[in-house]
């Protein structure tokens, strides 16, 4: 009888220690998956925005509005995103680069919470004959 009680206490201690290790590990896998998903979404938005910037001839309010709506559609807060378009005006067949930098927050219980910057960039050619 006494041996069973001692082992029950040991099992409780082992379970407690493993929960402290496994819960952050599980949440880390989930957070990494969401972070990877948001990076892929930002990369897709950057590619489409670069092609649209080429059609518009560079940076324009319509491009900024398009990027904000697309980021909102993939659940990325446009307020936490910095968009760079270089150069601001392009002509026929000139390259235009759109870079999106999104600040995302990750949080692991019992471990850490930090901001991560996701960066996505794409290049397209201008389609406006100036």
Protein backbone atom coordinates (compact mmCIF):
# COMPACT_ATOMS: atom_id res chain seq x y z
CA UNK A 1 0.00 0.00 0.00
CA UNK A 2 2.73 2.44 0.94
CA UNK A 3 4.62 1.78 -2.31
CA UNK A 4 1.54 2.63 -4.42
CA UNK A 5 1.11 6.01 -2.68
CA UNK A 6 4.76 6.93 -3.27
CA UNK A 7 4.49 6.09 -6.96
CA UNK A 8 1.26 8.08 -7.30
CA UNK A 9 3.08 11.14 -6.03
CA UNK A 10 5.91 10.50 -8.46
CA UNK A 11 3.47 10.20 -11.38
CA UNK A 12 1.89 13.52 -10.39
CA UNK A 13 5.30 15.18 -10.27
CA UNK A 14 6.33 13.73 -13.65
CA UNK A 15 3.06 14.81 -15.23
CA UNK A 16 3.41 18.34 -13.88
CA UNK A 17 6.95 18.63 -15.21
CA UNK A 18 5.97 17.29 -18.63
CA UNK A 19 2.99 19.66 -18.91
CA UNK A 20 5.33 22.59 -18.27
CA UNK A 21 7.48 21.38 -21.19
CA UNK A 22 4.80 20.10 -23.60
CA UNK A 23 2.33 23.00 -23.43
CA UNK A 24 4.83 25.64 -24.64
CA UNK A 25 6.08 23.16 -27.25
CA UNK A 26 2.54 22.58 -28.54
CA UNK A 27 1.77 26.29 -28.62
CA UNK A 28 5.12 26.91 -30.34
CA UNK A 29 4.16 24.55 -33.16
CA UNK A 30 0.77 26.24 -33.53
CA UNK A 31 2.26 29.76 -33.42
CA UNK A 32 4.93 28.82 -35.98
CA UNK A 33 2.20 27.48 -38.27
CA UNK A 34 0.20 30.71 -38.00
CA UNK A 35 3.35 32.78 -38.51
CA UNK A 36 4.25 30.79 -41.61
CA UNK A 37 0.69 31.19 -42.92
CA UNK A 38 0.83 34.97 -42.43
CA UNK A 39 4.24 35.15 -44.14
CA UNK A 40 2.90 33.24 -47.17
CA UNK A 41 -0.13 35.53 -47.26
CA UNK A 42 2.05 38.66 -47.09
CA UNK A 43 4.26 37.26 -49.86
CA UNK A 44 1.22 36.65 -52.08
CA UNK A 45 -0.07 40.17 -51.42
CA UNK A 46 3.39 41.57 -52.32
CA UNK A 47 3.42 39.69 -55.64
CA UNK A 48 -0.05 40.90 -56.60
CA UNK A 49 0.71 44.44 -55.43
CA UNK A 50 3.90 44.56 -57.52
CA UNK A 51 1.97 43.57 -60.65
CA UNK A 52 -0.70 46.16 -59.84
CA UNK A 53 1.99 48.82 -59.24
CA UNK A 54 3.36 48.00 -62.69
CA UNK A 55 -0.08 48.54 -64.19
CA UNK A 56 -0.52 51.84 -62.34
CA UNK A 57 2.97 53.10 -63.14
CA UNK A 58 4.30 53.03 -59.57
CA UNK A 59 3.06 54.09 -56.16
CA UNK A 60 -0.50 55.44 -56.06
CA UNK A 61 -3.34 55.75 -53.53
CA UNK A 62 -5.18 52.98 -55.39
CA UNK A 63 -2.22 50.66 -54.78
CA UNK A 64 -2.15 51.46 -51.05
CA UNK A 65 -5.90 50.87 -50.82
CA UNK A 66 -5.54 47.56 -52.68
CA UNK A 67 -2.75 46.39 -50.35
CA UNK A 68 -4.76 47.34 -47.25
CA UNK A 69 -7.85 45.48 -48.46
CA UNK A 70 -5.86 42.38 -49.43
CA UNK A 71 -4.03 42.32 -46.09
CA UNK A 72 -7.33 42.65 -44.25
CA UNK A 73 -8.73 39.74 -46.29
CA UNK A 74 -5.90 37.47 -45.05
CA UNK A 75 -6.30 38.72 -41.44
CA UNK A 76 -3.16 40.87 -41.27
CA UNK A 77 -3.68 44.25 -39.60
CA UNK A 78 -2.71 46.95 -42.15
CA UNK A 79 -1.91 49.33 -39.28
CA UNK A 80 1.02 47.09 -38.30
CA UNK A 81 2.40 46.92 -41.85
CA UNK A 82 4.96 49.10 -43.63
CA UNK A 83 4.79 49.19 -47.43
CA UNK A 84 7.66 50.45 -49.60
CA UNK A 85 7.36 50.97 -53.35
CA UNK A 86 10.60 51.71 -55.19
CA UNK A 87 10.83 53.65 -57.39
CA UNK A 88 7.64 55.64 -56.85
CA UNK A 89 7.09 56.15 -60.61
CA UNK A 90 7.99 53.73 -63.38
CA UNK A 91 7.64 53.70 -67.13
CA UNK A 92 7.41 50.95 -69.73
CA UNK A 93 9.39 47.82 -68.72
CA UNK A 94 11.08 49.51 -65.77
CA UNK A 95 11.23 47.38 -62.60
CA UNK A 96 9.13 48.29 -59.59
CA UNK A 97 9.65 46.59 -56.21
CA UNK A 98 6.96 46.33 -53.54
CA UNK A 99 8.14 45.37 -50.06
CA UNK A 100 5.74 44.53 -47.23
CA UNK A 101 7.00 44.38 -43.64
CA UNK A 102 4.41 43.17 -41.14
CA UNK A 103 4.98 43.11 -37.40
CA UNK A 104 3.34 40.03 -35.89
CA UNK A 105 3.11 39.10 -32.21
CA UNK A 106 3.83 35.56 -31.05
CA UNK A 107 3.20 34.36 -27.51
CA UNK A 108 4.18 31.08 -25.90
CA UNK A 109 2.67 30.32 -22.49
CA UNK A 110 5.23 29.98 -19.68
CA UNK A 111 8.03 30.92 -22.11
CA UNK A 112 7.99 34.21 -24.01
CA UNK A 113 6.11 36.79 -25.98
CA UNK A 114 7.74 38.82 -28.72
CA UNK A 115 7.22 40.68 -31.97
CA UNK A 116 8.47 39.17 -35.23
CA UNK A 117 8.87 41.12 -38.46
CA UNK A 118 7.70 39.30 -41.57
CA UNK A 119 9.16 40.66 -44.78
CA UNK A 120 7.94 39.93 -48.29
CA UNK A 121 9.12 41.54 -51.50
CA UNK A 122 8.27 41.22 -55.20
CA UNK A 123 9.40 42.84 -58.44
CA UNK A 124 7.33 43.50 -61.56
CA UNK A 125 7.79 45.58 -64.69
CA UNK A 126 6.02 48.80 -65.47
CA UNK A 127 3.29 48.58 -68.06
CA UNK A 128 2.65 52.30 -68.50
CA UNK A 129 4.20 53.89 -71.59
CA UNK A 130 5.33 57.36 -70.56
